[in-house]
Protein backbone atom coordinates (compact mmCIF):
# COMPACT_ATOMS: atom_id res chain seq x y z
CA MET A 1 168.16 -53.71 -2.01
CA LYS A 2 171.71 -53.49 -2.69
CA GLN A 3 170.95 -50.42 -4.98
CA LEU A 4 169.26 -48.58 -2.18
CA LYS A 5 172.37 -49.21 -0.01
CA TYR A 6 174.66 -47.62 -2.75
CA ILE A 7 172.28 -44.57 -3.18
CA LEU A 8 172.31 -43.86 0.70
CA LEU A 9 176.00 -44.28 0.88
CA ALA A 10 176.30 -41.71 -2.14
CA VAL A 11 173.91 -39.32 -0.26
CA LEU A 12 175.94 -39.65 3.00
CA ILE A 13 179.13 -39.00 1.07
CA LEU A 14 177.96 -36.01 -0.52
CA SER A 15 176.43 -34.65 2.57
CA LEU A 16 179.67 -34.99 4.50
CA GLY A 17 181.53 -33.25 1.61
CA ALA A 18 179.19 -30.45 1.67
CA PHE A 19 179.47 -30.30 5.56
CA ALA A 20 183.37 -30.27 5.29
CA GLY A 21 183.45 -27.78 2.52
CA ALA A 22 181.32 -25.11 4.51
CA GLN A 23 184.15 -24.05 6.78
CA SER A 24 182.33 -25.68 9.58
CA LYS A 25 183.49 -25.60 13.23
CA LEU A 26 183.16 -28.94 15.13
CA GLY A 27 183.49 -29.48 18.85
CA PHE A 28 183.04 -32.31 21.48
CA VAL A 29 181.90 -32.04 24.93
CA ASP A 30 182.21 -34.80 27.76
CA SER A 31 178.98 -34.01 29.40
CA ASN A 32 179.53 -36.14 32.26
CA ARG A 33 182.95 -34.77 33.15
CA ALA A 34 181.39 -31.38 32.59
CA VAL A 35 178.69 -31.83 34.99
CA VAL A 36 180.67 -33.29 37.98
CA SER A 37 183.45 -30.68 37.28
CA THR A 38 181.54 -27.59 37.71
CA ASP A 39 181.53 -25.94 41.26
CA GLU A 40 177.99 -26.90 41.86
CA GLY A 41 178.29 -30.51 40.41
CA LYS A 42 181.45 -31.29 42.48
CA ALA A 43 179.57 -30.23 45.63
CA GLU A 44 176.31 -31.98 44.86
CA TYR A 45 178.10 -35.16 43.61
CA GLN A 46 180.17 -35.16 46.89
CA LYS A 47 176.82 -35.05 48.94
CA ILE A 48 175.71 -38.21 47.07
CA THR A 49 179.00 -39.87 47.59
CA ASP A 50 179.09 -38.95 51.27
CA TRP A 51 175.58 -40.39 51.64
CA ALA A 52 176.49 -43.57 49.87
CA GLN A 53 179.50 -44.01 52.05
CA LYS A 54 177.32 -43.52 55.13
CA GLN A 55 174.99 -46.15 53.92
CA ASP A 56 177.72 -48.66 53.24
CA GLY A 57 178.91 -48.30 56.72
CA SER A 58 175.55 -49.19 58.09
CA LEU A 59 175.49 -52.21 55.60
CA GLY A 60 178.99 -53.14 56.92
CA GLU A 61 177.55 -53.37 60.55
CA LEU A 62 174.85 -55.69 59.37
CA ARG A 63 177.41 -57.74 57.44
CA LYS A 64 179.52 -57.90 60.68
CA GLN A 65 176.29 -59.27 62.50
CA ILE A 66 175.87 -61.75 59.92
CA GLU A 67 179.43 -63.06 60.09
CA GLU A 68 179.21 -63.26 64.00
CA LYS A 69 176.18 -65.25 63.79
CA GLN A 70 177.61 -67.71 61.14
CA VAL A 71 180.82 -68.08 63.49
CA GLN A 72 178.56 -68.63 66.48
CA LEU A 73 176.50 -71.24 64.50
CA ARG A 74 179.70 -73.09 63.26
CA ASN A 75 181.41 -73.12 66.69
CA GLN A 76 178.34 -74.03 68.71
CA GLN A 77 176.61 -76.28 66.36
CA ASN A 78 177.26 -79.51 68.35
CA MET A 79 176.57 -77.83 71.77
CA LEU A 80 173.16 -76.27 70.84
CA THR A 81 169.97 -78.05 71.29
CA ASP A 82 168.02 -78.54 68.04
CA ASP A 83 165.54 -75.65 68.94
CA LYS A 84 168.41 -73.35 69.54
CA ARG A 85 170.36 -74.21 66.40
CA GLU A 86 167.12 -73.71 64.34
CA GLU A 87 166.51 -70.42 66.09
CA LEU A 88 170.12 -69.21 65.38
CA ALA A 89 169.74 -70.41 61.68
CA LYS A 90 166.43 -68.53 61.36
CA GLU A 91 168.05 -65.44 62.70
CA LEU A 92 170.90 -65.77 60.27
CA ASP A 93 168.56 -66.15 57.36
CA ARG A 94 166.52 -63.18 58.45
CA LEU A 95 169.67 -60.93 58.66
CA GLU A 96 170.90 -62.07 55.17
CA THR A 97 167.59 -61.29 53.89
CA GLU A 98 167.59 -57.95 55.50
CA PHE A 99 171.01 -57.37 54.14
CA LYS A 100 170.22 -58.27 50.51
CA ARG A 101 166.96 -56.00 50.55
CA ARG A 102 168.83 -53.12 52.17
CA GLY A 103 171.62 -53.29 49.69
CA GLU A 104 169.13 -53.59 46.75
CA ASP A 105 167.23 -50.60 48.14
CA LEU A 106 170.40 -48.70 48.57
CA LYS A 107 171.42 -49.23 44.91
CA ARG A 108 168.22 -48.01 43.76
CA GLU A 109 168.28 -44.99 45.93
CA TYR A 110 171.85 -44.24 44.95
CA ALA A 111 170.80 -44.55 41.25
CA ARG A 112 167.77 -42.44 41.69
CA ARG A 113 169.77 -39.61 43.41
CA LEU A 114 172.37 -39.63 40.66
CA ASP A 115 169.52 -39.59 38.01
CA GLU A 116 167.91 -36.69 39.84
CA PHE A 117 171.32 -34.87 40.01
CA GLY A 118 172.03 -35.47 36.26
CA LYS A 119 168.59 -34.18 35.11
CA LYS A 120 169.04 -31.16 37.35
CA MET A 121 172.35 -30.27 35.94
CA ASP A 122 171.43 -31.16 32.47
CA LYS A 123 168.59 -28.62 32.52
CA LYS A 124 171.10 -25.97 33.31
CA ILE A 125 173.99 -27.07 31.32
CA THR A 126 172.32 -27.92 27.93
CA PRO A 127 171.43 -24.26 27.08
CA LEU A 128 174.91 -23.35 27.65
CA PHE A 129 176.06 -25.69 25.01
CA ASN A 130 173.87 -23.82 22.53
CA LYS A 131 175.06 -20.51 23.92
CA PHE A 132 178.61 -21.51 23.64
CA ALA A 133 178.33 -22.59 20.09
CA GLN A 134 176.60 -19.70 18.79
CA ASP A 135 178.94 -17.20 20.51
CA ASN A 136 182.05 -19.15 19.31
CA GLY A 137 180.79 -19.89 15.75
CA TYR A 138 180.48 -23.76 16.09
CA THR A 139 178.44 -25.48 13.56
CA MET A 140 178.02 -28.58 15.76
CA ILE A 141 178.96 -29.66 19.27
CA LEU A 142 178.79 -33.48 19.79
CA TYR A 143 178.69 -35.35 22.94
CA LEU A 144 181.86 -37.24 23.53
CA ASN A 145 181.41 -40.95 23.86
CA PRO A 146 184.46 -43.13 23.94
CA GLN A 147 182.63 -46.20 22.89
CA ILE A 148 181.67 -44.54 19.49
CA VAL A 149 184.39 -42.14 18.85
CA ALA A 150 187.64 -43.81 17.99
CA TYR A 151 189.57 -40.71 17.68
CA TYR A 152 189.17 -36.98 17.89
CA ASP A 153 191.61 -34.12 18.18
CA PRO A 154 191.68 -32.94 21.85
CA ASN A 155 191.90 -29.34 20.64
CA ILE A 156 188.22 -29.65 19.67
CA ASP A 157 187.13 -30.79 23.15
CA VAL A 158 185.17 -27.84 24.73
CA THR A 159 184.44 -29.35 28.01
CA ASP A 160 186.55 -27.11 30.04
CA GLN A 161 185.23 -24.07 28.25
CA ILE A 162 181.79 -25.34 29.08
CA ILE A 163 182.64 -25.85 32.69
CA LYS A 164 184.07 -22.20 32.87
CA LEU A 165 180.90 -20.92 31.35
CA TYR A 166 178.61 -22.91 33.67
CA ASN A 167 180.41 -21.75 36.83
CA GLN A 168 180.13 -18.00 35.59
CA ALA A 169 176.30 -18.53 34.74
CA TYR A 170 175.60 -20.36 37.96
CA PRO A 171 178.06 -19.15 40.72
CA TYR A 172 177.81 -21.78 43.66
CA THR A 173 177.85 -20.87 47.12
CA PRO A 174 177.79 -23.80 49.54
CA GLN A 175 174.85 -23.97 51.82
CA PRO A 176 175.28 -24.64 55.52
């Protein structure tokens, strides 16, 4: 088993040496930043953000109703009949359940909209990575992932060039 590890390590080192010796051109692209920084991406992402803020407002109203019922129950607890106190507690429970469900539904819908937006943009931007690489002599363009990449030279970040290429390929005109 140890011998296999050493063989694989040797193959990896030889491969990297061959790659480095071949006058390769390497680039990184932050695809998330590229997608939301294009003219179209900014507009579409803003629509999703606006929708989410509107939904947060309606949830805020429901939260306010819950707080009012909690205060009412607390302040009038000793003055209410058992039936009224139970009715108010049930109403409070119903509102809290509705709040929780709507919150979960909104999170799912927000995630769905973001996913749909990402897929739509990905279909258009991915071919541009290939075109850019071929037109500019890149051997490889990698996705920039800060959790994996400890360091890279910012001069090999091609994200801004990809954004410019996208905006040229897909001019965005806002729709009324």
